[in-house]
Amino acid sequence: MVGGGVIGLTTAVVLAERGRPVRLWTRDPVERTTSVVAGGLWWPYRIEPVALAQAWALRSLDVYEELAARPEETGVRLLEGVLGETGPDEVGAWAAARLPGLRASTAAEYAGQGLWARLPVIDMSTHLPWLRERLVRAGGVVEERSVTDLAEADAPVVVNCTGLGARDLVPDPAVRPVRGQLVVVENPGIRNWLVSADTDSGETTYFLPQPGRLLLGGTAEEDAWSAEPDPAVAEAIVRRCAALRPEIAGARVLAHRVGLRPARDAVRLERGTLADGRRLVHNYGHGGAGVTVAWGCAQEAARLAS
């Protein structure tokens, strides 16, 4: 296994728990991967192909609903909130049949048209270390190691979950960054999440309650590589969120975060071979939905690796 973000760790867990010997190589510890920056709301976002992403998301939802019974351990909670600019008829049968309680939001809950939903929200700072420990308990080994060629992995099957790193490692120029910036503030008492899209500008504004803090977002800058927070962007994020919930304006800022989503025209989840004939499985290019589809994609990758 190469790649230690949420896709790599989840795939490694599925393989190890199916009895496969797994050694995972990761350039960075899980606490410093792109995945730890993710807001963690379960909902397909910036991922293609849509139909497959929806199927992977539903398979992942089954797992997250089970994990939500132990939120302090797993980092997974089921929280209610509003998907702005979305009506019940716009969700599609794929979600409506699986998410009981979907309804139009009230004026008190959201000023515009919105959909009230109860969805998993994953605290990545808890979930990623938990995945790592679950992998180790299943007999897997995690090693911090940089890789310049997938052929370096001395295993009969190599699984590539390197995200944006696949651009150089495969190489695959089709995978590219979509920069996301977040502001972390003290939670002024907000218990429900909210996602609001500006149809004119294309901007998405959201706030997600996490234990002890509130995550404010966000941005989606195509082909932007900078990992440094932009103060002007941060101010704009806070301003947009405060327009939806005024109490956010006075919340103390705890941190600024930037993550580069590994976007691709279509997720690459397929079987191939290395130059020496060994089996290679690619599982990368999940854009802004890595958390959302992680378990569904991991199960498919494990099937391809068998």
Protein backbone atom coordinates (compact mmCIF):
# COMPACT_ATOMS: atom_id res chain seq x y z
CA MET A 1 0.00 0.00 0.00
CA VAL A 2 1.25 3.49 -0.83
CA GLY A 3 -0.56 6.51 0.60
CA GLY A 4 -1.67 7.21 4.16
CA GLY A 5 -4.64 9.57 3.83
CA VAL A 6 -8.22 8.54 4.49
CA ILE A 7 -8.43 6.57 1.23
CA GLY A 8 -5.19 4.68 1.86
CA LEU A 9 -5.89 3.95 5.51
CA THR A 10 -9.44 2.79 4.88
CA THR A 11 -8.36 0.57 2.00
CA ALA A 12 -5.58 -0.89 4.14
CA VAL A 13 -8.05 -1.64 6.95
CA VAL A 14 -10.42 -3.45 4.60
CA LEU A 15 -7.59 -5.53 3.13
CA ALA A 16 -6.08 -6.39 6.53
CA GLU A 17 -9.43 -7.35 8.02
CA ARG A 18 -9.95 -9.69 5.09
CA GLY A 19 -6.78 -11.51 6.08
CA ARG A 20 -4.33 -9.93 3.65
CA PRO A 21 -0.86 -8.98 4.95
CA VAL A 22 -0.64 -5.21 4.61
CA ARG A 23 2.31 -2.85 4.83
CA LEU A 24 1.36 0.79 4.29
CA TRP A 25 3.93 3.37 3.25
CA THR A 26 3.04 6.98 3.90
CA ARG A 27 5.18 10.05 3.27
CA ASP A 28 3.63 11.91 6.22
CA PRO A 29 2.12 10.75 9.50
CA VAL A 30 -1.67 10.71 9.35
CA GLU A 31 -1.82 13.87 11.45
CA ARG A 32 -0.16 15.81 8.59
CA THR A 33 -1.91 14.37 5.53
CA THR A 34 -4.29 16.38 3.35
CA SER A 35 -7.15 14.32 4.76
CA VAL A 36 -6.79 15.82 8.24
CA VAL A 37 -7.78 19.22 6.81
CA ALA A 38 -11.10 17.89 5.49
CA GLY A 39 -14.27 19.30 6.99
CA GLY A 40 -15.60 15.76 7.22
CA LEU A 41 -19.25 16.16 6.15
CA TRP A 42 -20.55 13.06 4.37
CA TRP A 43 -21.90 14.26 1.03
CA PRO A 44 -20.54 13.79 -2.51
CA TYR A 45 -18.69 16.95 -3.55
CA ARG A 46 -16.55 17.60 -6.62
CA ILE A 47 -16.24 13.96 -7.62
CA GLU A 48 -16.85 12.10 -10.88
CA PRO A 49 -18.42 9.90 -12.13
CA VAL A 50 -21.51 10.90 -10.17
CA ALA A 51 -23.41 7.61 -10.34
CA LEU A 52 -20.47 5.56 -9.06
CA ALA A 53 -19.69 8.16 -6.41
CA GLN A 54 -23.24 7.91 -5.11
CA ALA A 55 -22.98 4.12 -4.86
CA TRP A 56 -19.62 4.33 -3.06
CA ALA A 57 -21.05 7.00 -0.76
CA LEU A 58 -23.99 4.83 0.26
CA ARG A 59 -21.71 1.89 1.03
CA SER A 60 -19.61 4.23 3.15
CA LEU A 61 -22.73 5.58 4.87
CA ASP A 62 -23.51 2.08 6.15
CA VAL A 63 -20.13 2.01 7.88
CA TYR A 64 -20.29 5.56 9.26
CA GLU A 65 -23.70 4.95 10.78
CA GLU A 66 -22.23 2.02 12.71
CA LEU A 67 -19.16 4.01 13.76
CA ALA A 68 -21.36 6.87 15.00
CA ALA A 69 -22.35 4.68 17.95
CA ARG A 70 -18.84 5.35 19.33
CA PRO A 71 -18.13 9.00 18.43
CA GLU A 72 -15.44 9.64 21.04
CA GLU A 73 -13.47 6.66 19.73
CA THR A 74 -14.10 6.88 15.97
CA GLY A 75 -14.68 10.61 15.48
CA VAL A 76 -17.94 9.94 13.62
CA ARG A 77 -21.18 11.64 14.68
CA LEU A 78 -24.61 11.96 13.08
CA LEU A 79 -25.60 15.63 13.07
CA GLU A 80 -28.50 17.56 11.61
CA GLY A 81 -28.04 20.51 9.32
CA VAL A 82 -29.08 22.27 6.14
CA LEU A 83 -27.96 21.78 2.55
CA GLY A 84 -28.67 25.23 1.18
CA GLU A 85 -30.04 25.87 -2.29
CA THR A 86 -31.30 22.31 -2.37
CA GLY A 87 -34.87 21.09 -2.42
CA PRO A 88 -36.26 17.62 -1.70
CA ASP A 89 -36.80 17.04 -5.42
CA GLU A 90 -33.16 17.87 -6.22
CA VAL A 91 -31.52 15.22 -4.06
CA GLY A 92 -32.38 12.22 -6.19
CA ALA A 93 -33.71 8.79 -5.36
CA TRP A 94 -30.23 7.53 -4.50
CA ALA A 95 -30.22 9.57 -1.26
CA ALA A 96 -33.93 10.08 -0.59
CA ALA A 97 -34.49 6.35 -0.21
CA ARG A 98 -31.58 5.97 2.18
CA LEU A 99 -31.87 9.09 4.35
CA PRO A 100 -35.11 9.10 6.31
CA GLY A 101 -36.15 12.47 7.67
CA LEU A 102 -35.08 14.55 4.68
CA ARG A 103 -37.35 17.58 4.51
CA ALA A 104 -37.46 21.15 3.34
CA SER A 105 -35.83 23.45 5.90
CA THR A 106 -37.94 26.04 7.68
CA ALA A 107 -37.43 29.80 7.43
CA ALA A 108 -36.03 29.76 10.97
CA GLU A 109 -33.44 27.16 9.98
CA TYR A 110 -32.37 28.79 6.70
CA ALA A 111 -33.44 31.96 4.94
CA GLY A 112 -33.43 30.44 1.45
CA GLN A 113 -34.46 27.12 0.01
CA GLY A 114 -32.73 24.33 1.89
CA LEU A 115 -32.89 20.66 2.75
CA TRP A 116 -32.77 19.51 6.36
CA ALA A 117 -30.75 16.30 6.72
CA ARG A 118 -29.06 14.14 9.34
CA LEU A 119 -25.64 13.17 8.00
CA PRO A 120 -22.33 11.83 9.32
CA VAL A 121 -19.79 14.49 10.28
CA ILE A 122 -16.32 13.05 10.79
CA ASP A 123 -13.70 14.63 13.05
CA MET A 124 -10.61 13.77 11.03
CA SER A 125 -8.20 14.53 13.86
CA THR A 126 -9.77 11.59 15.72
CA HIS A 127 -10.82 9.39 12.80
CA LEU A 128 -7.46 9.11 11.04
CA PRO A 129 -5.49 7.96 14.11
CA TRP A 130 -8.35 5.57 14.88
CA LEU A 131 -8.08 4.08 11.39
CA ARG A 132 -4.34 3.68 11.86
CA GLU A 133 -4.82 1.85 15.16
CA ARG A 134 -7.54 -0.35 13.66
CA LEU A 135 -5.15 -1.28 10.87
CA VAL A 136 -2.40 -2.18 13.34
CA ARG A 137 -4.84 -4.28 15.39
CA ALA A 138 -5.68 -6.19 12.19
CA GLY A 139 -1.99 -6.99 11.70
CA GLY A 140 -1.07 -4.17 9.33
CA VAL A 141 2.19 -2.23 9.49
CA VAL A 142 2.50 1.52 8.91
CA GLU A 143 5.85 2.95 7.81
CA GLU A 144 6.73 6.57 7.08
CA ARG A 145 8.59 6.47 3.81
CA SER A 146 8.79 8.58 0.66
CA VAL A 147 8.28 6.72 -2.62
CA THR A 148 9.52 7.83 -6.03
CA ASP A 149 8.43 4.75 -7.98
CA LEU A 150 5.56 2.37 -7.26
CA ALA A 151 7.85 -0.51 -8.21
CA GLU A 152 9.79 0.16 -4.98
CA ALA A 153 7.04 -1.63 -3.06
CA ASP A 154 8.22 -5.23 -2.69
CA ALA A 155 4.79 -6.85 -2.59
CA PRO A 156 2.92 -9.14 -5.00
CA VAL A 157 0.08 -6.57 -5.14
CA VAL A 158 0.67 -2.81 -4.91
CA VAL A 159 -2.25 -0.52 -4.11
CA ASN A 160 -1.77 3.12 -5.06
CA CYS A 161 -3.74 5.53 -2.87
CA THR A 162 -1.43 8.53 -3.19
CA GLY A 163 -4.02 11.17 -4.06
CA LEU A 164 -2.41 14.26 -5.53
CA GLY A 165 0.96 12.51 -5.33
CA ALA A 166 -0.15 10.26 -8.17
CA ARG A 167 0.39 13.19 -10.53
CA ASP A 168 4.16 12.61 -10.35
CA LEU A 169 4.31 9.05 -9.07
CA VAL A 170 2.28 7.27 -11.76
CA PRO A 171 2.71 9.79 -13.50
CA ASP A 172 -0.83 11.02 -14.12
CA PRO A 173 -1.17 14.66 -15.20
CA ALA A 174 -4.96 14.30 -15.08
CA VAL A 175 -4.93 14.57 -11.28
CA ARG A 176 -4.71 18.18 -10.16
CA PRO A 177 -5.16 20.26 -7.01
CA VAL A 178 -8.31 22.06 -5.94
CA ARG A 179 -7.24 24.26 -3.05
CA GLY A 180 -9.47 24.48 -0.01
CA GLN A 181 -8.99 26.92 2.87
CA LEU A 182 -10.65 26.69 6.29
CA VAL A 183 -10.78 28.83 9.41
CA VAL A 184 -11.06 27.07 12.77
CA VAL A 185 -12.80 29.08 15.50
CA GLU A 186 -14.14 28.51 18.98
CA ASN A 187 -17.69 27.28 18.68
CA PRO A 188 -20.07 30.02 19.92
CA GLY A 189 -22.78 27.42 20.58
CA ILE A 190 -23.68 26.24 17.06
CA ARG A 191 -24.91 22.65 17.05
CA ASN A 192 -26.02 22.15 13.45
CA TRP A 193 -23.98 22.26 10.25
CA LEU A 194 -24.87 24.35 7.22
CA VAL A 195 -23.70 24.42 3.60
CA SER A 196 -24.74 27.35 1.41
CA ALA A 197 -23.91 27.83 -2.28
CA ASP A 198 -23.94 31.19 -4.05
CA THR A 199 -25.26 30.40 -7.51
CA ASP A 200 -23.93 33.69 -8.93
CA SER A 201 -20.32 33.50 -7.71
CA GLY A 202 -20.05 29.75 -7.36
CA GLU A 203 -18.72 30.17 -3.81
CA THR A 204 -19.65 27.65 -1.15
CA THR A 205 -19.95 28.75 2.46
CA TYR A 206 -20.22 26.27 5.29
CA PHE A 207 -19.73 25.75 8.99
CA LEU A 208 -19.31 22.34 10.61
CA PRO A 209 -19.37 21.75 14.38
CA GLN A 210 -16.53 19.58 15.63
CA PRO A 211 -15.69 18.77 19.24
CA GLY A 212 -14.44 21.98 20.87
CA ARG A 213 -14.41 24.01 17.67
CA LEU A 214 -16.24 25.13 14.55
CA LEU A 215 -14.82 24.72 11.03
CA LEU A 216 -15.58 27.55 8.62
CA GLY A 217 -15.19 27.32 4.88
CA GLY A 218 -14.58 27.32 2.17
CA THR A 219 -12.83 27.67 -1.15
CA ALA A 220 -12.32 25.55 -4.26
CA GLU A 221 -9.46 27.05 -6.30
CA GLU A 222 -8.64 25.00 -9.38
CA ASP A 223 -4.95 24.24 -10.05
CA ALA A 224 -3.78 26.25 -7.02
CA TRP A 225 -0.76 24.73 -5.27
CA SER A 226 -0.13 27.11 -2.37
CA ALA A 227 -0.47 25.51 1.05
CA GLU A 228 -0.18 28.85 2.83
CA PRO A 229 -3.38 30.39 4.24
CA ASP A 230 -4.39 33.67 2.59
CA PRO A 231 -5.46 36.24 5.24
CA ALA A 232 -7.84 37.97 2.82
CA VAL A 233 -9.50 34.67 1.97
CA ALA A 234 -9.80 33.84 5.67
CA GLU A 235 -11.49 37.18 6.36
CA ALA A 236 -13.93 36.57 3.52
CA ILE A 237 -14.77 33.09 4.86
CA VAL A 238 -15.53 34.44 8.33
CA ARG A 239 -17.59 37.27 6.86
CA ARG A 240 -19.71 34.92 4.73
CA CYS A 241 -20.30 32.53 7.63
CA ALA A 242 -21.20 35.41 9.96
CA ALA A 243 -23.77 36.59 7.45
CA LEU A 244 -25.53 33.28 8.05
CA ARG A 245 -24.93 33.11 11.82
CA PRO A 246 -23.95 36.51 13.32
CA GLU A 247 -22.43 34.98 16.46
CA ILE A 248 -19.59 33.60 14.33
CA ALA A 249 -18.26 37.14 13.81
CA GLY A 250 -16.98 37.34 17.38
CA ALA A 251 -15.62 33.80 17.65
CA ARG A 252 -11.93 33.52 18.51
CA VAL A 253 -9.83 32.15 15.66
CA LEU A 254 -7.91 29.02 16.65
CA ALA A 255 -6.20 28.06 13.40
CA HIS A 256 -6.05 28.44 9.63
CA ARG A 257 -5.86 25.37 7.40
CA VAL A 258 -5.25 24.66 3.73
CA GLY A 259 -5.74 21.36 1.92
CA LEU A 260 -5.22 20.43 -1.73
CA ARG A 261 -8.02 18.16 -2.92
CA PRO A 262 -6.86 15.52 -5.44
CA ALA A 263 -9.28 16.22 -8.30
CA ARG A 264 -9.58 14.24 -11.51
CA ASP A 265 -12.12 14.10 -14.33
CA ALA A 266 -12.98 10.63 -12.98
CA VAL A 267 -11.81 8.70 -9.95
CA ARG A 268 -9.18 6.17 -10.97
CA LEU A 269 -10.24 2.92 -9.35
CA GLU A 270 -8.93 0.14 -11.54
CA ARG A 271 -6.54 -2.79 -11.85
CA GLY A 272 -3.29 -2.66 -13.81
CA THR A 273 0.19 -4.12 -13.76
CA LEU A 274 3.67 -2.90 -12.97
CA ALA A 275 6.46 -3.27 -15.51
CA ASP A 276 7.52 -6.55 -13.91
CA GLY A 277 4.02 -8.01 -14.15
CA ARG A 278 2.95 -7.56 -10.53
CA ARG A 279 -0.64 -6.50 -9.91
CA LEU A 280 -1.27 -2.79 -9.38
CA VAL A 281 -4.52 -1.29 -8.10
CA HIS A 282 -5.13 2.45 -8.42
CA ASN A 283 -7.50 4.20 -6.00
CA TYR A 284 -7.11 7.97 -6.24
CA GLY A 285 -8.60 11.17 -7.64
CA HIS A 286 -11.55 11.52 -5.23
CA GLY A 287 -11.63 15.32 -5.28
CA GLY A 288 -13.59 16.75 -2.35
CA ALA A 289 -15.32 13.48 -1.46
CA GLY A 290 -12.56 11.23 -0.15
CA VAL A 291 -14.16 10.88 3.27
CA THR A 292 -17.59 10.41 1.73
CA VAL A 293 -16.65 7.49 -0.53
CA ALA A 294 -13.71 6.01 1.41
CA TRP A 295 -15.29 2.72 2.51
CA GLY A 296 -17.10 2.05 -0.76
CA CYS A 297 -13.92 2.62 -2.75
CA ALA A 298 -11.88 0.57 -0.28
CA GLN A 299 -14.19 -2.40 -0.71
CA GLU A 300 -13.91 -2.14 -4.50
CA ALA A 301 -10.12 -1.77 -4.33
CA ALA A 302 -9.90 -4.86 -2.12
CA ARG A 303 -11.93 -6.81 -4.69
CA LEU A 304 -9.57 -5.67 -7.46
CA ALA A 305 -6.56 -6.66 -5.37
CA SER A 306 -7.79 -10.23 -4.80
